[in-house]
Amino acid sequence: MTLVTLYSRSNCHLCDVAMETLTNLQGELKFEIEKLLIDGDAELETKYGEQVPVILINGKQHDFFRVDPERFRKAINSL
């Protein structure tokens, strides 16, 4: 199963929108969502800091700031 990881922060509006988009796409495409908060994790805050939300597909960075549904579909369908 394809794993989509969403790196997020608490109280992040863009993160909420990205999660909503991913959830909507999940009904159409087959993948699992893993949401990880970077709050308080120095390593993740250094790595992703101001880029959240950051979306990974099977561990590889796909996008950040927002989910483009068409680009996401193409990425999932190419696996």
PDB file of N, CA and C in Angstrom:
ATOM      1  N   MET A   1       0.856  -1.185   0.000  1.00  0.00           N
ATOM      2  CA  MET A   1       0.000   0.000   0.000  1.00  0.00           C
ATOM      3  C   MET A   1       0.895   1.239   0.000  1.00  0.00           C
ATOM      4  N   THR A   2       0.499   2.221  -0.746  1.00  0.00           N
ATOM      5  CA  THR A   2       1.235   3.481  -0.823  1.00  0.00           C
ATOM      6  C   THR A   2       1.036   4.267   0.463  1.00  0.00           C
ATOM      7  N   LEU A   3       2.127   4.808   0.995  1.00  0.00           N
ATOM      8  CA  LEU A   3       2.063   5.605   2.214  1.00  0.00           C
ATOM      9  C   LEU A   3       2.358   7.058   1.886  1.00  0.00           C
ATOM     10  N   VAL A   4       1.417   7.927   2.243  1.00  0.00           N
ATOM     11  CA  VAL A   4       1.588   9.365   2.084  1.00  0.00           C
ATOM     12  C   VAL A   4       1.788   9.948   3.477  1.00  0.00           C
ATOM     13  N   THR A   5       2.923  10.602   3.663  1.00  0.00           N
ATOM     14  CA  THR A   5       3.240  11.213   4.947  1.00  0.00           C
ATOM     15  C   THR A   5       3.059  12.712   4.825  1.00  0.00           C
ATOM     16  N   LEU A   6       2.357  13.285   5.798  1.00  0.00           N
ATOM     17  CA  LEU A   6       2.128  14.722   5.844  1.00  0.00           C
ATOM     18  C   LEU A   6       2.824  15.265   7.083  1.00  0.00           C
ATOM     19  N   TYR A   7       3.903  16.005   6.880  1.00  0.00           N
ATOM     20  CA  TYR A   7       4.554  16.687   7.993  1.00  0.00           C
ATOM     21  C   TYR A   7       3.827  17.994   8.205  1.00  0.00           C
ATOM     22  N   SER A   8       3.448  18.243   9.458  1.00  0.00           N
ATOM     23  CA  SER A   8       2.545  19.332   9.780  1.00  0.00           C
ATOM     24  C   SER A   8       2.965  20.007  11.078  1.00  0.00           C
ATOM     25  N   ARG A   9       2.332  21.118  11.363  1.00  0.00           N
ATOM     26  CA  ARG A   9       2.472  21.825  12.646  1.00  0.00           C
ATOM     27  C   ARG A   9       1.075  21.993  13.248  1.00  0.00           C
ATOM     28  N   SER A  10       1.030  22.185  14.535  1.00  0.00           N
ATOM     29  CA  SER A  10      -0.240  22.488  15.198  1.00  0.00           C
ATOM     30  C   SER A  10      -0.721  23.860  14.732  1.00  0.00           C
ATOM     31  N   ASN A  11      -2.023  23.999  14.615  1.00  0.00           N
ATOM     32  CA  ASN A  11      -2.641  25.277  14.245  1.00  0.00           C
ATOM     33  C   ASN A  11      -2.118  25.825  12.927  1.00  0.00           C
ATOM     34  N   CYS A  12      -1.944  24.957  11.956  1.00  0.00           N
ATOM     35  CA  CYS A  12      -1.433  25.338  10.634  1.00  0.00           C
ATOM     36  C   CYS A  12      -2.574  25.216   9.629  1.00  0.00           C
ATOM     37  N   HIS A  13      -3.065  26.345   9.160  1.00  0.00           N
ATOM     38  CA  HIS A  13      -4.188  26.345   8.224  1.00  0.00           C
ATOM     39  C   HIS A  13      -3.834  25.616   6.926  1.00  0.00           C
ATOM     40  N   LEU A  14      -2.654  25.874   6.373  1.00  0.00           N
ATOM     41  CA  LEU A  14      -2.255  25.194   5.140  1.00  0.00           C
ATOM     42  C   LEU A  14      -2.177  23.679   5.331  1.00  0.00           C
ATOM     43  N   CYS A  15      -1.762  23.269   6.529  1.00  0.00           N
ATOM     44  CA  CYS A  15      -1.689  21.841   6.842  1.00  0.00           C
ATOM     45  C   CYS A  15      -3.083  21.224   6.868  1.00  0.00           C
ATOM     46  N   ASP A  16      -4.033  21.950   7.440  1.00  0.00           N
ATOM     47  CA  ASP A  16      -5.415  21.472   7.485  1.00  0.00           C
ATOM     48  C   ASP A  16      -5.986  21.324   6.071  1.00  0.00           C
ATOM     49  N   VAL A  17      -5.697  22.298   5.212  1.00  0.00           N
ATOM     50  CA  VAL A  17      -6.179  22.248   3.829  1.00  0.00           C
ATOM     51  C   VAL A  17      -5.540  21.071   3.096  1.00  0.00           C
ATOM     52  N   ALA A  18      -4.233  20.859   3.301  1.00  0.00           N
ATOM     53  CA  ALA A  18      -3.546  19.733   2.656  1.00  0.00           C
ATOM     54  C   ALA A  18      -4.146  18.404   3.106  1.00  0.00           C
ATOM     55  N   MET A  19      -4.417  18.277   4.403  1.00  0.00           N
ATOM     56  CA  MET A  19      -5.004  17.039   4.927  1.00  0.00           C
ATOM     57  C   MET A  19      -6.394  16.816   4.342  1.00  0.00           C
ATOM     58  N   GLU A  20      -7.172  17.861   4.220  1.00  0.00           N
ATOM     59  CA  GLU A  20      -8.511  17.740   3.642  1.00  0.00           C
ATOM     60  C   GLU A  20      -8.425  17.294   2.181  1.00  0.00           C
ATOM     61  N   THR A  21      -7.493  17.865   1.431  1.00  0.00           N
ATOM     62  CA  THR A  21      -7.312  17.482   0.035  1.00  0.00           C
ATOM     63  C   THR A  21      -6.895  16.024  -0.072  1.00  0.00           C
ATOM     64  N   LEU A  22      -5.939  15.609   0.760  1.00  0.00           N
ATOM     65  CA  LEU A  22      -5.489  14.217   0.744  1.00  0.00           C
ATOM     66  C   LEU A  22      -6.628  13.269   1.110  1.00  0.00           C
ATOM     67  N   THR A  23      -7.405  13.626   2.115  1.00  0.00           N
ATOM     68  CA  THR A  23      -8.529  12.792   2.539  1.00  0.00           C
ATOM     69  C   THR A  23      -9.540  12.643   1.411  1.00  0.00           C
ATOM     70  N   ASN A  24      -9.812  13.725   0.701  1.00  0.00           N
ATOM     71  CA  ASN A  24     -10.741  13.667  -0.428  1.00  0.00           C
ATOM     72  C   ASN A  24     -10.200  12.773  -1.544  1.00  0.00           C
ATOM     73  N   LEU A  25      -8.898  12.858  -1.808  1.00  0.00           N
ATOM     74  CA  LEU A  25      -8.287  12.040  -2.850  1.00  0.00           C
ATOM     75  C   LEU A  25      -8.213  10.568  -2.452  1.00  0.00           C
ATOM     76  N   GLN A  26      -8.196  10.319  -1.162  1.00  0.00           N
ATOM     77  CA  GLN A  26      -8.098   8.947  -0.666  1.00  0.00           C
ATOM     78  C   GLN A  26      -9.310   8.122  -1.086  1.00  0.00           C
ATOM     79  N   GLY A  27     -10.453   8.765  -1.259  1.00  0.00           N
ATOM     80  CA  GLY A  27     -11.648   8.063  -1.711  1.00  0.00           C
ATOM     81  C   GLY A  27     -11.534   7.593  -3.150  1.00  0.00           C
ATOM     82  N   GLU A  28     -10.680   8.232  -3.911  1.00  0.00           N
ATOM     83  CA  GLU A  28     -10.495   7.930  -5.332  1.00  0.00           C
ATOM     84  C   GLU A  28      -9.263   7.048  -5.581  1.00  0.00           C
ATOM     85  N   LEU A  29      -8.205   7.297  -4.818  1.00  0.00           N
ATOM     86  CA  LEU A  29      -6.933   6.589  -4.985  1.00  0.00           C
ATOM     87  C   LEU A  29      -6.663   5.745  -3.745  1.00  0.00           C
ATOM     88  N   LYS A  30      -5.861   4.718  -3.897  1.00  0.00           N
ATOM     89  CA  LYS A  30      -5.589   3.839  -2.751  1.00  0.00           C
ATOM     90  C   LYS A  30      -4.251   4.207  -2.118  1.00  0.00           C
ATOM     91  N   PHE A  31      -4.317   4.806  -0.928  1.00  0.00           N
ATOM     92  CA  PHE A  31      -3.119   5.132  -0.177  1.00  0.00           C
ATOM     93  C   PHE A  31      -3.491   5.358   1.282  1.00  0.00           C
ATOM     94  N   GLU A  32      -2.501   5.202   2.130  1.00  0.00           N
ATOM     95  CA  GLU A  32      -2.671   5.480   3.553  1.00  0.00           C
ATOM     96  C   GLU A  32      -2.061   6.839   3.853  1.00  0.00           C
ATOM     97  N   ILE A  33      -2.617   7.535   4.850  1.00  0.00           N
ATOM     98  CA  ILE A  33      -2.090   8.832   5.267  1.00  0.00           C
ATOM     99  C   ILE A  33      -1.513   8.707   6.663  1.00  0.00           C
ATOM    100  N   GLU A  34      -0.310   9.224   6.810  1.00  0.00           N
ATOM    101  CA  GLU A  34       0.355   9.299   8.107  1.00  0.00           C
ATOM    102  C   GLU A  34       0.648  10.778   8.347  1.00  0.00           C
ATOM    103  N   LYS A  35       0.070  11.335   9.412  1.00  0.00           N
ATOM    104  CA  LYS A  35       0.294  12.743   9.736  1.00  0.00           C
ATOM    105  C   LYS A  35       1.270  12.818  10.906  1.00  0.00           C
ATOM    106  N   LEU A  36       2.363  13.543  10.706  1.00  0.00           N
ATOM    107  CA  LEU A  36       3.378  13.696  11.746  1.00  0.00           C
ATOM    108  C   LEU A  36       3.580  15.173  12.048  1.00  0.00           C
ATOM    109  N   LEU A  37       3.454  15.526  13.318  1.00  0.00           N
ATOM    110  CA  LEU A  37       3.689  16.904  13.739  1.00  0.00           C
ATOM    111  C   LEU A  37       5.177  17.111  13.966  1.00  0.00           C
ATOM    112  N   ILE A  38       5.689  18.228  13.465  1.00  0.00           N
ATOM    113  CA  ILE A  38       7.104  18.529  13.663  1.00  0.00           C
ATOM    114  C   ILE A  38       7.325  19.361  14.923  1.00  0.00           C
ATOM    115  N   ASP A  39       6.246  19.807  15.547  1.00  0.00           N
ATOM    116  CA  ASP A  39       6.335  20.625  16.758  1.00  0.00           C
ATOM    117  C   ASP A  39       7.200  19.945  17.809  1.00  0.00           C
ATOM    118  N   GLY A  40       8.217  20.649  18.292  1.00  0.00           N
ATOM    119  CA  GLY A  40       9.030  20.136  19.375  1.00  0.00           C
ATOM    120  C   GLY A  40      10.094  19.135  18.974  1.00  0.00           C
ATOM    121  N   ASP A  41      10.160  18.781  17.695  1.00  0.00           N
ATOM    122  CA  ASP A  41      11.186  17.853  17.213  1.00  0.00           C
ATOM    123  C   ASP A  41      12.234  18.691  16.481  1.00  0.00           C
ATOM    124  N   ALA A  42      13.355  18.947  17.143  1.00  0.00           N
ATOM    125  CA  ALA A  42      14.377  19.842  16.604  1.00  0.00           C
ATOM    126  C   ALA A  42      14.846  19.420  15.217  1.00  0.00           C
ATOM    127  N   GLU A  43      15.035  18.130  15.013  1.00  0.00           N
ATOM    128  CA  GLU A  43      15.518  17.640  13.721  1.00  0.00           C
ATOM    129  C   GLU A  43      14.510  17.924  12.607  1.00  0.00           C
ATOM    130  N   LEU A  44      13.227  17.602  12.878  1.00  0.00           N
ATOM    131  CA  LEU A  44      12.194  17.841  11.865  1.00  0.00           C
ATOM    132  C   LEU A  44      11.944  19.330  11.653  1.00  0.00           C
ATOM    133  N   GLU A  45      12.009  20.119  12.724  1.00  0.00           N
ATOM    134  CA  GLU A  45      11.823  21.566  12.576  1.00  0.00           C
ATOM    135  C   GLU A  45      12.938  22.164  11.727  1.00  0.00           C
ATOM    136  N   THR A  46      14.167  21.668  11.905  1.00  0.00           N
ATOM    137  CA  THR A  46      15.285  22.145  11.092  1.00  0.00           C
ATOM    138  C   THR A  46      15.102  21.717   9.640  1.00  0.00           C
ATOM    139  N   LYS A  47      14.689  20.497   9.442  1.00  0.00           N
ATOM    140  CA  LYS A  47      14.553  19.941   8.090  1.00  0.00           C
ATOM    141  C   LYS A  47      13.394  20.566   7.318  1.00  0.00           C
ATOM    142  N   TYR A  48      12.223  20.713   7.972  1.00  0.00           N
ATOM    143  CA  TYR A  48      11.019  21.150   7.264  1.00  0.00           C
ATOM    144  C   TYR A  48      10.532  22.538   7.662  1.00  0.00           C
ATOM    145  N   GLY A  49      10.923  23.015   8.831  1.00  0.00           N
ATOM    146  CA  GLY A  49      10.613  24.350   9.340  1.00  0.00           C
ATOM    147  C   GLY A  49       9.454  25.087   8.710  1.00  0.00           C
ATOM    148  N   GLU A  50       9.781  26.027   7.842  1.00  0.00           N
ATOM    149  CA  GLU A  50       8.766  26.902   7.256  1.00  0.00           C
ATOM    150  C   GLU A  50       8.121  26.322   6.004  1.00  0.00           C
ATOM    151  N   GLN A  51       8.463  25.102   5.629  1.00  0.00           N
ATOM    152  CA  GLN A  51       7.910  24.511   4.409  1.00  0.00           C
ATOM    153  C   GLN A  51       6.606  23.754   4.633  1.00  0.00           C
ATOM    154  N   VAL A  52       6.219  23.538   5.879  1.00  0.00           N
ATOM    155  CA  VAL A  52       5.035  22.725   6.130  1.00  0.00           C
ATOM    156  C   VAL A  52       3.792  23.372   5.538  1.00  0.00           C
ATOM    157  N   PRO A  53       2.877  22.542   5.098  1.00  0.00           N
ATOM    158  CA  PRO A  53       2.930  21.099   5.102  1.00  0.00           C
ATOM    159  C   PRO A  53       3.880  20.551   4.038  1.00  0.00           C
ATOM    160  N   VAL A  54       4.527  19.457   4.374  1.00  0.00           N
ATOM    161  CA  VAL A  54       5.406  18.752   3.451  1.00  0.00           C
ATOM    162  C   VAL A  54       4.785  17.372   3.221  1.00  0.00           C
ATOM    163  N   ILE A  55       4.652  17.006   1.954  1.00  0.00           N
ATOM    164  CA  ILE A  55       4.003  15.749   1.599  1.00  0.00           C
ATOM    165  C   ILE A  55       5.043  14.810   0.988  1.00  0.00           C
ATOM    166  N   LEU A  56       5.141  13.613   1.547  1.00  0.00           N
ATOM    167  CA  LEU A  56       6.026  12.577   1.023  1.00  0.00           C
ATOM    168  C   LEU A  56       5.169  11.417   0.526  1.00  0.00           C
ATOM    169  N   ILE A  57       5.598  10.798  -0.551  1.00  0.00           N
ATOM    170  CA  ILE A  57       4.950   9.595  -1.050  1.00  0.00           C
ATOM    171  C   ILE A  57       5.977   8.475  -0.954  1.00  0.00           C
ATOM    172  N   ASN A  58       5.649   7.479  -0.149  1.00  0.00           N
ATOM    173  CA  ASN A  58       6.566   6.361   0.097  1.00  0.00           C
ATOM    174  C   ASN A  58       7.967   6.845   0.486  1.00  0.00           C
ATOM    175  N   GLY A  59       7.999   7.880   1.328  1.00  0.00           N
ATOM    176  CA  GLY A  59       9.264   8.370   1.867  1.00  0.00           C
ATOM    177  C   GLY A  59      10.010   9.370   1.012  1.00  0.00           C
ATOM    178  N   LYS A  60       9.507   9.674  -0.191  1.00  0.00           N
ATOM    179  CA  LYS A  60      10.161  10.634  -1.073  1.00  0.00           C
ATOM    180  C   LYS A  60       9.337  11.912  -1.130  1.00  0.00           C
ATOM    181  N   GLN A  61      10.020  13.058  -0.957  1.00  0.00           N
ATOM    182  CA  GLN A  61       9.296  14.324  -0.945  1.00  0.00           C
ATOM    183  C   GLN A  61       8.601  14.548  -2.282  1.00  0.00           C
ATOM    184  N   HIS A  62       7.323  14.841  -2.182  1.00  0.00           N
ATOM    185  CA  HIS A  62       6.499  15.083  -3.363  1.00  0.00           C
ATOM    186  C   HIS A  62       6.213  16.568  -3.522  1.00  0.00           C
ATOM    187  N   ASP A  63       5.834  17.216  -2.446  1.00  0.00           N
ATOM    188  CA  ASP A  63       5.396  18.606  -2.518  1.00  0.00           C
ATOM    189  C   ASP A  63       5.475  19.260  -1.153  1.00  0.00           C
ATOM    190  N   PHE A  64       5.295  20.567  -1.138  1.00  0.00           N
ATOM    191  CA  PHE A  64       5.182  21.293   0.119  1.00  0.00           C
ATOM    192  C   PHE A  64       4.245  22.481  -0.095  1.00  0.00           C
ATOM    193  N   PHE A  65       3.766  23.032   0.997  1.00  0.00           N
ATOM    194  CA  PHE A  65       2.796  24.143   1.059  1.00  0.00           C
ATOM    195  C   PHE A  65       1.374  23.743   0.669  1.00  0.00           C
ATOM    196  N   ARG A  66       1.199  23.003  -0.412  1.00  0.00           N
ATOM    197  CA  ARG A  66      -0.146  22.608  -0.811  1.00  0.00           C
ATOM    198  C   ARG A  66      -0.091  21.341  -1.646  1.00  0.00           C
ATOM    199  N   VAL A  67      -1.259  20.715  -1.789  1.00  0.00           N
ATOM    200  CA  VAL A  67      -1.365  19.508  -2.610  1.00  0.00           C
ATOM    201  C   VAL A  67      -2.058  19.896  -3.908  1.00  0.00           C
ATOM    202  N   ASP A  68      -1.369  19.716  -5.020  1.00  0.00           N
ATOM    203  CA  ASP A  68      -1.980  19.913  -6.328  1.00  0.00           C
ATOM    204  C   ASP A  68      -2.622  18.574  -6.702  1.00  0.00           C
ATOM    205  N   PRO A  69      -3.955  18.495  -6.733  1.00  0.00           N
ATOM    206  CA  PRO A  69      -4.623  17.208  -6.960  1.00  0.00           C
ATOM    207  C   PRO A  69      -4.182  16.491  -8.237  1.00  0.00           C
ATOM    208  N   GLU A  70      -4.025  17.207  -9.340  1.00  0.00           N
ATOM    209  CA  GLU A  70      -3.636  16.554 -10.602  1.00  0.00           C
ATOM    210  C   GLU A  70      -2.215  16.006 -10.517  1.00  0.00           C
ATOM    211  N   ARG A  71      -1.313  16.784  -9.978  1.00  0.00           N
ATOM    212  CA  ARG A  71       0.080  16.330  -9.827  1.00  0.00           C
ATOM    213  C   ARG A  71       0.145  15.132  -8.881  1.00  0.00           C
ATOM    214  N   PHE A  72      -0.663  15.181  -7.814  1.00  0.00           N
ATOM    215  CA  PHE A  72      -0.693  14.083  -6.849  1.00  0.00           C
ATOM    216  C   PHE A  72      -1.237  12.817  -7.500  1.00  0.00           C
ATOM    217  N   ARG A  73      -2.324  12.945  -8.252  1.00  0.00           N
ATOM    218  CA  ARG A  73      -2.888  11.781  -8.953  1.00  0.00           C
ATOM    219  C   ARG A  73      -1.853  11.135  -9.867  1.00  0.00           C
ATOM    220  N   LYS A  74      -1.162  11.950 -10.644  1.00  0.00           N
ATOM    221  CA  LYS A  74      -0.142  11.427 -11.562  1.00  0.00           C
ATOM    222  C   LYS A  74       0.944  10.685 -10.789  1.00  0.00           C
ATOM    223  N   ALA A  75       1.372  11.249  -9.660  1.00  0.00           N
ATOM    224  CA  ALA A  75       2.423  10.610  -8.867  1.00  0.00           C
ATOM    225  C   ALA A  75       1.956   9.269  -8.319  1.00  0.00           C
ATOM    226  N   ILE A  76       0.745   9.217  -7.794  1.00  0.00           N
ATOM    227  CA  ILE A  76       0.209   7.973  -7.235  1.00  0.00           C
ATOM    228  C   ILE A  76      -0.010   6.943  -8.343  1.00  0.00           C
ATOM    229  N   ASN A  77      -0.569   7.363  -9.461  1.00  0.00           N
ATOM    230  CA  ASN A  77      -0.857   6.437 -10.550  1.00  0.00           C
ATOM    231  C   ASN A  77       0.394   5.923 -11.239  1.00  0.00           C
ATOM    232  N   SER A  78       1.526   6.611 -11.070  1.00  0.00           N
ATOM    233  CA  SER A  78       2.767   6.165 -11.707  1.00  0.00           C
ATOM    234  C   SER A  78       3.510   5.130 -10.869  1.00  0.00           C
ATOM    235  N   LEU A  79       3.003   4.842  -9.673  1.00  0.00           N
ATOM    236  CA  LEU A  79       3.682   3.862  -8.809  1.00  0.00           C
ATOM    237  C   LEU A  79       3.354   2.449  -9.240  1.00  0.00           C
TER     238      LEU A  79
END
